[in-house]
Amino acid sequence: MAPRIRTDVQVMFFDTDCGGVVSNIAYLRFIEIARTHLAEELGLAVVEMAQKQTYPVVVRTEIDYRRAAKLGDRLVIEGWLDRTERARFWCAFRITRPQDNTLIAECRQMLALIEMPTGKLLRLPEHWKTYDKVESSERSERESRAGTVRGGECV
C-alpha cells in the first residue's frame, strides 16, 4: 500500500484575513507541510534531497474549497500518492476539521523529480510503480462513487 500521512495544524493569525477566515495562500502552506512528510515516507528525505540536489517540483495544483476554516481551528491534512507516470506523479490531500467532521478542502498536485542545478527531469523511483498498481483500484472505487468526469478524466 502506498504511504499515507496525516498531520495536524492550527490556524494562526497570519493564516487569516481581517475577518478571521483562512486565506487561500495558507492552504498551500498546509499542503506543503503535508507533502514534505509524504515525500519522506516515499523515500525523499529533506536532507538527502538537498545532498543529492534532487527535488520534487510542483507542476500543477488543483484545490477545491468546500468550507471556510477560521482562526483557531485545528485541522487535519491527510496526503497520499495518488498516481504515478514515468516522470511525474500526483499527490492528493484532504483537509478536514475533526471537531465537527467538516471537509474544508481537497487538493491534487502534479509533481516531477528534478535534478539541480541542471533542471534535468528524472524518472520516478522504480518501487513507486507498485504503489500505483495498488492505489489504482482504490482510486477507481473513489471515482465511481464520486461519479464525476472532467475533460475525459475521472476525478
C-alpha atoms as a PDB file:
ATOM      1  CA  MET A   1       0.000   0.000   0.000  1.00  0.00           C
ATOM      2  CA  ALA A   2       1.230   3.477  -0.828  1.00  0.00           C
ATOM      3  CA  PRO A   3       2.316   5.646   2.081  1.00  0.00           C
ATOM      4  CA  ARG A   4      -0.325   7.908   3.583  1.00  0.00           C
ATOM      5  CA  ILE A   5       0.389  10.684   6.004  1.00  0.00           C
ATOM      6  CA  ARG A   6      -1.678  12.666   8.449  1.00  0.00           C
ATOM      7  CA  THR A   7      -0.590  15.911  10.034  1.00  0.00           C
ATOM      8  CA  ASP A   8      -2.272  18.479  12.257  1.00  0.00           C
ATOM      9  CA  VAL A   9      -2.138  22.260  12.040  1.00  0.00           C
ATOM     10  CA  GLN A  10      -3.757  25.032  13.998  1.00  0.00           C
ATOM     11  CA  VAL A  11      -4.945  28.126  12.151  1.00  0.00           C
ATOM     12  CA  MET A  12      -2.910  31.128  13.315  1.00  0.00           C
ATOM     13  CA  PHE A  13      -3.436  34.887  12.884  1.00  0.00           C
ATOM     14  CA  PHE A  14      -1.044  35.001   9.917  1.00  0.00           C
ATOM     15  CA  ASP A  15      -3.164  32.362   8.121  1.00  0.00           C
ATOM     16  CA  THR A  16      -6.271  34.536   8.101  1.00  0.00           C
ATOM     17  CA  ASP A  17      -7.722  37.683   6.592  1.00  0.00           C
ATOM     18  CA  CYS A  18      -9.200  40.532   8.649  1.00  0.00           C
ATOM     19  CA  GLY A  19     -12.424  38.501   9.106  1.00  0.00           C
ATOM     20  CA  GLY A  20     -10.589  35.587  10.708  1.00  0.00           C
ATOM     21  CA  VAL A  21     -11.112  33.314   7.686  1.00  0.00           C
ATOM     22  CA  VAL A  22      -8.178  31.304   6.315  1.00  0.00           C
ATOM     23  CA  SER A  23      -6.791  32.907   3.151  1.00  0.00           C
ATOM     24  CA  ASN A  24      -6.250  30.718   0.106  1.00  0.00           C
ATOM     25  CA  ILE A  25      -2.441  31.014   0.264  1.00  0.00           C
ATOM     26  CA  ALA A  26      -2.427  29.467   3.752  1.00  0.00           C
ATOM     27  CA  TYR A  27      -3.925  26.242   2.363  1.00  0.00           C
ATOM     28  CA  LEU A  28      -0.871  25.904   0.125  1.00  0.00           C
ATOM     29  CA  ARG A  29       1.351  26.158   3.196  1.00  0.00           C
ATOM     30  CA  PHE A  30      -0.685  23.463   4.956  1.00  0.00           C
ATOM     31  CA  ILE A  31      -0.361  21.234   1.880  1.00  0.00           C
ATOM     32  CA  GLU A  32       3.375  21.949   1.644  1.00  0.00           C
ATOM     33  CA  ILE A  33       3.825  20.685   5.214  1.00  0.00           C
ATOM     34  CA  ALA A  34       1.881  17.511   4.425  1.00  0.00           C
ATOM     35  CA  ARG A  35       3.699  17.000   1.122  1.00  0.00           C
ATOM     36  CA  THR A  36       7.084  17.229   2.861  1.00  0.00           C
ATOM     37  CA  HIS A  37       6.022  14.476   5.299  1.00  0.00           C
ATOM     38  CA  LEU A  38       4.681  12.401   2.405  1.00  0.00           C
ATOM     39  CA  ALA A  39       7.947  12.821   0.467  1.00  0.00           C
ATOM     40  CA  GLU A  40       9.843  11.435   3.447  1.00  0.00           C
ATOM     41  CA  GLU A  41       7.528   8.413   3.558  1.00  0.00           C
ATOM     42  CA  LEU A  42       8.218   7.889  -0.158  1.00  0.00           C
ATOM     43  CA  GLY A  43      11.975   7.893   0.451  1.00  0.00           C
ATOM     44  CA  LEU A  44      12.680  11.544  -0.350  1.00  0.00           C
ATOM     45  CA  ALA A  45      14.002  12.819   2.964  1.00  0.00           C
ATOM     46  CA  VAL A  46      14.618  16.569   3.032  1.00  0.00           C
ATOM     47  CA  VAL A  47      18.313  16.347   3.966  1.00  0.00           C
ATOM     48  CA  GLU A  48      19.006  13.649   1.358  1.00  0.00           C
ATOM     49  CA  MET A  49      17.247  15.678  -1.345  1.00  0.00           C
ATOM     50  CA  ALA A  50      19.477  18.633  -0.555  1.00  0.00           C
ATOM     51  CA  GLN A  51      22.598  16.457  -0.615  1.00  0.00           C
ATOM     52  CA  LYS A  52      21.670  14.773  -3.915  1.00  0.00           C
ATOM     53  CA  GLN A  53      20.172  18.011  -5.309  1.00  0.00           C
ATOM     54  CA  THR A  54      17.104  16.086  -6.436  1.00  0.00           C
ATOM     55  CA  TYR A  55      13.771  17.716  -5.676  1.00  0.00           C
ATOM     56  CA  PRO A  56      10.078  17.144  -6.334  1.00  0.00           C
ATOM     57  CA  VAL A  57       8.840  20.260  -8.133  1.00  0.00           C
ATOM     58  CA  VAL A  58       5.170  21.254  -8.237  1.00  0.00           C
ATOM     59  CA  VAL A  59       3.898  21.456 -11.817  1.00  0.00           C
ATOM     60  CA  ARG A  60       0.180  21.899 -11.131  1.00  0.00           C
ATOM     61  CA  THR A  61      -2.087  22.459  -8.135  1.00  0.00           C
ATOM     62  CA  GLU A  62      -5.856  21.957  -8.042  1.00  0.00           C
ATOM     63  CA  ILE A  63      -7.792  22.948  -4.923  1.00  0.00           C
ATOM     64  CA  ASP A  64     -11.495  22.619  -4.309  1.00  0.00           C
ATOM     65  CA  TYR A  65     -12.509  24.754  -1.337  1.00  0.00           C
ATOM     66  CA  ARG A  66     -15.547  23.227   0.395  1.00  0.00           C
ATOM     67  CA  ARG A  67     -15.944  25.177   3.655  1.00  0.00           C
ATOM     68  CA  ALA A  68     -14.093  28.022   5.333  1.00  0.00           C
ATOM     69  CA  ALA A  69     -11.592  27.338   8.079  1.00  0.00           C
ATOM     70  CA  LYS A  70     -11.274  30.042  10.729  1.00  0.00           C
ATOM     71  CA  LEU A  71      -8.849  31.440  13.253  1.00  0.00           C
ATOM     72  CA  GLY A  72      -8.075  28.895  15.970  1.00  0.00           C
ATOM     73  CA  ASP A  73      -9.398  25.877  14.057  1.00  0.00           C
ATOM     74  CA  ARG A  74      -7.413  22.687  14.409  1.00  0.00           C
ATOM     75  CA  LEU A  75      -7.204  20.986  11.031  1.00  0.00           C
ATOM     76  CA  VAL A  76      -6.054  17.578   9.840  1.00  0.00           C
ATOM     77  CA  ILE A  77      -4.315  17.236   6.495  1.00  0.00           C
ATOM     78  CA  GLU A  78      -4.172  13.757   5.006  1.00  0.00           C
ATOM     79  CA  GLY A  79      -1.960  13.077   1.998  1.00  0.00           C
ATOM     80  CA  TRP A  80      -1.188  10.166  -0.284  1.00  0.00           C
ATOM     81  CA  LEU A  81       0.466   9.270  -3.564  1.00  0.00           C
ATOM     82  CA  ASP A  82      -2.469   9.267  -5.965  1.00  0.00           C
ATOM     83  CA  ARG A  83      -0.952   8.351  -9.332  1.00  0.00           C
ATOM     84  CA  THR A  84       2.424   7.809 -10.974  1.00  0.00           C
ATOM     85  CA  GLU A  85       3.608   8.138 -14.527  1.00  0.00           C
ATOM     86  CA  ARG A  86       7.102   7.784 -15.977  1.00  0.00           C
ATOM     87  CA  ALA A  87       8.424  11.141 -14.882  1.00  0.00           C
ATOM     88  CA  ARG A  88       5.620  12.796 -12.937  1.00  0.00           C
ATOM     89  CA  PHE A  89       3.291  11.926 -10.111  1.00  0.00           C
ATOM     90  CA  TRP A  90       0.141  13.166  -8.431  1.00  0.00           C
ATOM     91  CA  CYS A  91      -0.310  13.617  -4.690  1.00  0.00           C
ATOM     92  CA  ALA A  92      -3.746  14.123  -3.197  1.00  0.00           C
ATOM     93  CA  PHE A  93      -4.659  15.920   0.013  1.00  0.00           C
ATOM     94  CA  ARG A  94      -7.764  16.262   2.126  1.00  0.00           C
ATOM     95  CA  ILE A  95      -8.147  18.956   4.786  1.00  0.00           C
ATOM     96  CA  THR A  96     -10.771  18.410   7.472  1.00  0.00           C
ATOM     97  CA  ARG A  97     -11.832  19.986  10.736  1.00  0.00           C
ATOM     98  CA  PRO A  98     -12.265  16.972  13.034  1.00  0.00           C
ATOM     99  CA  GLN A  99     -14.113  18.966  15.716  1.00  0.00           C
ATOM    100  CA  ASP A 100     -17.274  18.901  13.585  1.00  0.00           C
ATOM    101  CA  ASN A 101     -16.135  16.419  10.903  1.00  0.00           C
ATOM    102  CA  THR A 102     -16.199  19.094   8.189  1.00  0.00           C
ATOM    103  CA  LEU A 103     -14.428  18.719   4.855  1.00  0.00           C
ATOM    104  CA  ILE A 104     -12.571  22.008   4.337  1.00  0.00           C
ATOM    105  CA  ALA A 105     -10.689  21.404   1.066  1.00  0.00           C
ATOM    106  CA  GLU A 106      -9.452  18.761  -1.337  1.00  0.00           C
ATOM    107  CA  CYS A 107      -6.289  19.168  -3.360  1.00  0.00           C
ATOM    108  CA  ARG A 108      -4.271  17.399  -6.034  1.00  0.00           C
ATOM    109  CA  GLN A 109      -0.785  18.322  -7.102  1.00  0.00           C
ATOM    110  CA  MET A 110       1.214  17.115 -10.074  1.00  0.00           C
ATOM    111  CA  LEU A 111       4.951  16.964  -9.416  1.00  0.00           C
ATOM    112  CA  ALA A 112       8.109  15.954 -11.227  1.00  0.00           C
ATOM    113  CA  LEU A 113      11.524  14.977  -9.874  1.00  0.00           C
ATOM    114  CA  ILE A 114      14.186  17.441 -10.999  1.00  0.00           C
ATOM    115  CA  GLU A 115      17.955  17.263 -10.649  1.00  0.00           C
ATOM    116  CA  MET A 116      19.555  20.604  -9.878  1.00  0.00           C
ATOM    117  CA  PRO A 117      21.270  22.754 -10.932  1.00  0.00           C
ATOM    118  CA  THR A 118      20.763  21.365 -14.457  1.00  0.00           C
ATOM    119  CA  GLY A 119      16.967  21.163 -14.160  1.00  0.00           C
ATOM    120  CA  LYS A 120      17.089  17.660 -15.654  1.00  0.00           C
ATOM    121  CA  LEU A 121      13.810  15.734 -15.439  1.00  0.00           C
ATOM    122  CA  LEU A 122      14.289  12.360 -13.720  1.00  0.00           C
ATOM    123  CA  ARG A 123      12.351   9.119 -13.882  1.00  0.00           C
ATOM    124  CA  LEU A 124      10.449   8.206 -10.753  1.00  0.00           C
ATOM    125  CA  PRO A 125      11.922   5.608  -8.398  1.00  0.00           C
ATOM    126  CA  GLU A 126      11.139   2.107  -9.663  1.00  0.00           C
ATOM    127  CA  HIS A 127       9.423   0.989  -6.428  1.00  0.00           C
ATOM    128  CA  TRP A 128       6.759   3.728  -6.790  1.00  0.00           C
ATOM    129  CA  LYS A 129       5.149   1.692  -9.604  1.00  0.00           C
ATOM    130  CA  THR A 130       3.993  -0.872  -7.064  1.00  0.00           C
ATOM    131  CA  TYR A 131       2.202   1.873  -5.124  1.00  0.00           C
ATOM    132  CA  ASP A 132       0.347   2.982  -8.236  1.00  0.00           C
ATOM    133  CA  LYS A 133      -0.961  -0.522  -9.024  1.00  0.00           C
ATOM    134  CA  VAL A 134      -2.381  -0.932  -5.535  1.00  0.00           C
ATOM    135  CA  GLU A 135      -3.781   2.580  -5.419  1.00  0.00           C
ATOM    136  CA  SER A 136      -5.344   2.457  -8.910  1.00  0.00           C
ATOM    137  CA  SER A 137      -8.040   0.039  -7.724  1.00  0.00           C
ATOM    138  CA  GLU A 138      -8.786   2.249  -4.705  1.00  0.00           C
ATOM    139  CA  ARG A 139      -8.808   5.341  -6.967  1.00  0.00           C
ATOM    140  CA  SER A 140     -11.259   3.644  -9.353  1.00  0.00           C
ATOM    141  CA  GLU A 141     -13.582   2.922  -6.441  1.00  0.00           C
ATOM    142  CA  ARG A 142     -13.424   6.559  -5.251  1.00  0.00           C
ATOM    143  CA  GLU A 143     -14.029   7.866  -8.766  1.00  0.00           C
ATOM    144  CA  SER A 144     -17.005   5.597  -9.370  1.00  0.00           C
ATOM    145  CA  ARG A 145     -18.523   6.671  -6.039  1.00  0.00           C
ATOM    146  CA  ALA A 146     -17.958  10.340  -6.933  1.00  0.00           C
ATOM    147  CA  GLY A 147     -19.373   9.762 -10.418  1.00  0.00           C
ATOM    148  CA  THR A 148     -17.865  12.908 -11.895  1.00  0.00           C
ATOM    149  CA  VAL A 149     -15.935  13.269 -15.127  1.00  0.00           C
ATOM    150  CA  ARG A 150     -13.952  16.319 -16.192  1.00  0.00           C
ATOM    151  CA  GLY A 151     -12.220  16.624 -19.553  1.00  0.00           C
ATOM    152  CA  GLY A 152     -12.449  12.873 -20.198  1.00  0.00           C
ATOM    153  CA  GLU A 153     -10.625  12.066 -16.955  1.00  0.00           C
ATOM    154  CA  CYS A 154     -12.410  10.784 -13.877  1.00  0.00           C
ATOM    155  CA  VAL A 155     -11.816  12.859 -10.804  1.00  0.00           C
END
